[in-house]
C-alpha atoms as a PDB file:
ATOM      1  CA  MET A   1     -14.452  -9.450  17.841  1.00  0.00           C
ATOM      2  CA  GLU A   2     -16.264  -9.530  14.696  1.00  0.00           C
ATOM      3  CA  LYS A   3     -14.131  -6.609  13.338  1.00  0.00           C
ATOM      4  CA  PHE A   4     -10.863  -8.771  14.158  1.00  0.00           C
ATOM      5  CA  ILE A   5     -12.079 -11.646  11.954  1.00  0.00           C
ATOM      6  CA  TRP A   6     -13.169  -9.435   9.090  1.00  0.00           C
ATOM      7  CA  ALA A   7      -9.765  -7.739   9.253  1.00  0.00           C
ATOM      8  CA  PHE A   8      -8.163 -11.582   9.223  1.00  0.00           C
ATOM      9  CA  ILE A   9     -10.107 -12.262   6.292  1.00  0.00           C
ATOM     10  CA  VAL A  10      -9.611  -9.140   4.394  1.00  0.00           C
ATOM     11  CA  GLY A  11      -5.974  -8.752   4.975  1.00  0.00           C
ATOM     12  CA  GLY A  12      -5.328 -12.668   4.471  1.00  0.00           C
ATOM     13  CA  GLY A  13      -7.324 -12.334   1.027  1.00  0.00           C
ATOM     14  CA  ILE A  14      -5.170  -9.544  -0.274  1.00  0.00           C
ATOM     15  CA  CYS A  15      -2.190 -11.911   0.713  1.00  0.00           C
ATOM     16  CA  VAL A  16      -3.646 -14.683  -0.958  1.00  0.00           C
ATOM     17  CA  ILE A  17      -4.024 -12.867  -3.882  1.00  0.00           C
ATOM     18  CA  GLY A  18      -0.488 -11.766  -4.050  1.00  0.00           C
ATOM     19  CA  GLN A  19       0.680 -15.317  -3.505  1.00  0.00           C
ATOM     20  CA  ILE A  20      -1.283 -16.834  -6.314  1.00  0.00           C
ATOM     21  CA  MET A  21      -0.157 -13.993  -8.591  1.00  0.00           C
ATOM     22  CA  MET A  22       3.376 -15.313  -7.619  1.00  0.00           C
ATOM     23  CA  ASP A  23       2.863 -19.009  -7.670  1.00  0.00           C
ATOM     24  CA  VAL A  24       0.492 -19.454 -10.446  1.00  0.00           C
ATOM     25  CA  PHE A  25       0.885 -16.626 -12.484  1.00  0.00           C
ATOM     26  CA  ARG A  26       5.083 -16.839 -12.095  1.00  0.00           C
ATOM     27  CA  LEU A  27       5.167 -12.890 -11.658  1.00  0.00           C
ATOM     28  CA  THR A  28       8.038 -11.637  -9.630  1.00  0.00           C
ATOM     29  CA  PRO A  29       7.544 -10.157  -6.304  1.00  0.00           C
ATOM     30  CA  ALA A  30       8.369  -6.606  -7.704  1.00  0.00           C
ATOM     31  CA  HIS A  31       5.450  -7.232 -10.633  1.00  0.00           C
ATOM     32  CA  THR A  32       3.297  -8.489  -7.600  1.00  0.00           C
ATOM     33  CA  MET A  33       3.933  -5.538  -5.353  1.00  0.00           C
ATOM     34  CA  THR A  34       3.217  -2.947  -8.373  1.00  0.00           C
ATOM     35  CA  THR A  35       0.095  -4.820  -9.364  1.00  0.00           C
ATOM     36  CA  LEU A  36      -1.369  -4.523  -5.696  1.00  0.00           C
ATOM     37  CA  VAL A  37      -0.384  -0.976  -5.350  1.00  0.00           C
ATOM     38  CA  VAL A  38      -1.874  -0.094  -8.569  1.00  0.00           C
ATOM     39  CA  SER A  39      -5.071  -1.980  -7.720  1.00  0.00           C
ATOM     40  CA  GLY A  40      -5.003  -0.043  -4.460  1.00  0.00           C
ATOM     41  CA  ALA A  41      -5.019   3.202  -6.407  1.00  0.00           C
ATOM     42  CA  VAL A  42      -7.451   2.006  -8.825  1.00  0.00           C
ATOM     43  CA  LEU A  43      -9.791   0.983  -5.956  1.00  0.00           C
ATOM     44  CA  GLY A  44      -9.300   4.301  -4.350  1.00  0.00           C
ATOM     45  CA  GLY A  45      -9.917   6.267  -7.408  1.00  0.00           C
ATOM     46  CA  LEU A  46     -13.239   4.540  -8.023  1.00  0.00           C
ATOM     47  CA  GLY A  47     -14.288   5.370  -4.364  1.00  0.00           C
ATOM     48  CA  LEU A  48     -14.252   1.358  -3.289  1.00  0.00           C
ATOM     49  CA  TYR A  49     -10.834   1.104  -1.133  1.00  0.00           C
ATOM     50  CA  GLU A  50     -12.280   3.609   1.828  1.00  0.00           C
ATOM     51  CA  PRO A  51     -15.406   1.726   2.232  1.00  0.00           C
ATOM     52  CA  LEU A  52     -13.075  -1.614   2.448  1.00  0.00           C
ATOM     53  CA  ILE A  53     -10.953   0.229   5.224  1.00  0.00           C
ATOM     54  CA  GLU A  54     -14.194   1.079   7.232  1.00  0.00           C
ATOM     55  CA  PHE A  55     -15.412  -2.436   6.927  1.00  0.00           C
ATOM     56  CA  ALA A  56     -11.960  -4.332   7.382  1.00  0.00           C
ATOM     57  CA  GLY A  57     -10.181  -2.022   9.397  1.00  0.00           C
ATOM     58  CA  ALA A  58      -6.157  -2.889   9.543  1.00  0.00           C
ATOM     59  CA  GLY A  59      -6.968  -5.715   7.111  1.00  0.00           C
ATOM     60  CA  ALA A  60      -7.238  -3.212   4.372  1.00  0.00           C
ATOM     61  CA  SER A  61      -5.237  -0.692   5.798  1.00  0.00           C
ATOM     62  CA  VAL A  62      -1.788  -2.382   6.229  1.00  0.00           C
ATOM     63  CA  PRO A  63      -1.291  -4.543   3.012  1.00  0.00           C
ATOM     64  CA  ILE A  64       0.728  -2.759   0.433  1.00  0.00           C
ATOM     65  CA  SER A  65      -2.469  -2.024  -1.633  1.00  0.00           C
ATOM     66  CA  SER A  66      -3.642   0.643   0.675  1.00  0.00           C
ATOM     67  CA  PHE A  67      -0.156   2.379  -0.121  1.00  0.00           C
ATOM     68  CA  GLY A  68      -1.602   2.767  -3.564  1.00  0.00           C
ATOM     69  CA  ASN A  69      -4.808   4.253  -2.119  1.00  0.00           C
ATOM     70  CA  SER A  70      -2.667   6.687   0.046  1.00  0.00           C
ATOM     71  CA  LEU A  71      -0.693   7.929  -2.914  1.00  0.00           C
ATOM     72  CA  LEU A  72      -3.928   8.775  -5.013  1.00  0.00           C
ATOM     73  CA  LYS A  73      -5.596  10.710  -1.994  1.00  0.00           C
ATOM     74  CA  GLY A  74      -2.359  12.819  -1.594  1.00  0.00           C
ATOM     75  CA  ALA A  75      -2.082  13.452  -5.270  1.00  0.00           C
ATOM     76  CA  VAL A  76      -5.869  14.100  -5.780  1.00  0.00           C
ATOM     77  CA  GLY A  77      -5.995  16.397  -2.397  1.00  0.00           C
ATOM     78  CA  GLU A  78      -2.802  18.346  -3.268  1.00  0.00           C
ATOM     79  CA  TYR A  79      -4.067  18.912  -6.892  1.00  0.00           C
ATOM     80  CA  GLY A  80      -7.129  20.623  -5.600  1.00  0.00           C
ATOM     81  CA  ARG A  81      -5.106  23.073  -3.631  1.00  0.00           C
ATOM     82  CA  ASN A  82      -1.728  23.429  -5.766  1.00  0.00           C
ATOM     83  CA  GLY A  83      -2.625  22.242  -9.300  1.00  0.00           C
ATOM     84  CA  ILE A  84      -0.418  20.120 -11.342  1.00  0.00           C
ATOM     85  CA  VAL A  85       2.670  20.705  -8.881  1.00  0.00           C
ATOM     86  CA  GLY A  86       0.400  19.391  -6.105  1.00  0.00           C
ATOM     87  CA  VAL A  87       0.306  16.077  -7.707  1.00  0.00           C
ATOM     88  CA  LEU A  88       3.707  15.427  -7.019  1.00  0.00           C
ATOM     89  CA  THR A  89       3.964  16.984  -3.633  1.00  0.00           C
ATOM     90  CA  GLY A  90       0.959  15.481  -2.434  1.00  0.00           C
ATOM     91  CA  ILE A  91       2.481  11.683  -3.163  1.00  0.00           C
ATOM     92  CA  PHE A  92       5.241  12.570  -0.968  1.00  0.00           C
ATOM     93  CA  GLU A  93       3.495  14.364   1.453  1.00  0.00           C
ATOM     94  CA  VAL A  94       1.288  11.795   2.365  1.00  0.00           C
ATOM     95  CA  THR A  95       3.650   8.674   2.079  1.00  0.00           C
ATOM     96  CA  SER A  96       7.026  10.306   3.141  1.00  0.00           C
ATOM     97  CA  ALA A  97       6.769   8.939   6.695  1.00  0.00           C
ATOM     98  CA  GLY A  98       6.196   5.567   5.487  1.00  0.00           C
ATOM     99  CA  ILE A  99       9.090   5.620   3.033  1.00  0.00           C
ATOM    100  CA  SER A 100      11.317   7.119   5.427  1.00  0.00           C
ATOM    101  CA  ALA A 101      10.579   4.499   8.052  1.00  0.00           C
ATOM    102  CA  ALA A 102      11.370   1.652   5.519  1.00  0.00           C
ATOM    103  CA  ILE A 103      14.670   3.331   4.616  1.00  0.00           C
ATOM    104  CA  ILE A 104      15.842   3.955   8.142  1.00  0.00           C
ATOM    105  CA  PHE A 105      14.855   0.375   9.567  1.00  0.00           C
ATOM    106  CA  GLY A 106      16.412  -1.323   6.762  1.00  0.00           C
ATOM    107  CA  PHE A 107      19.612   0.396   7.216  1.00  0.00           C
ATOM    108  CA  MET A 108      19.477  -0.206  10.901  1.00  0.00           C
ATOM    109  CA  ALA A 109      18.820  -3.906   9.900  1.00  0.00           C
ATOM    110  CA  SER A 110      21.698  -4.152   7.700  1.00  0.00           C
ATOM    111  CA  LEU A 111      23.942  -2.880  10.423  1.00  0.00           C
ATOM    112  CA  VAL A 112      23.059  -5.906  12.454  1.00  0.00           C
ATOM    113  CA  PHE A 113      22.339  -8.684  10.390  1.00  0.00           C
ATOM    114  CA  ARG A 114      25.347  -8.098   7.565  1.00  0.00           C
ATOM    115  CA  PRO A 115      23.709  -8.313   4.260  1.00  0.00           C
ATOM    116  CA  LYS A 116      25.046 -10.247   1.413  1.00  0.00           C
ATOM    117  CA  GLY A 117      25.305  -7.998  -1.709  1.00  0.00           C
END
């Protein structure tokens, strides 16, 4: 039960930070998303994001900041195996399922809800 509470607090805290960025600092959603992705990559590079995931579980692994951490892990892992080319291939290898799902489900939603634009 305690794990659920910490997941809620950490995940909610990340969302509150994003909302403050948009409401107080007047950042656009794109700027806010980019900042959260980059912050996840920086925290992952410093070795701080994995302990956060172990502590909060889905509260840290579901928000967009986890995407930045995943990008970094894929790039660093493949760099060790394939050199500089591995940086690019590692990014796509680790995140391709999430990106593909977003594209497929976005397309399916557009078929159902008739987008305006």
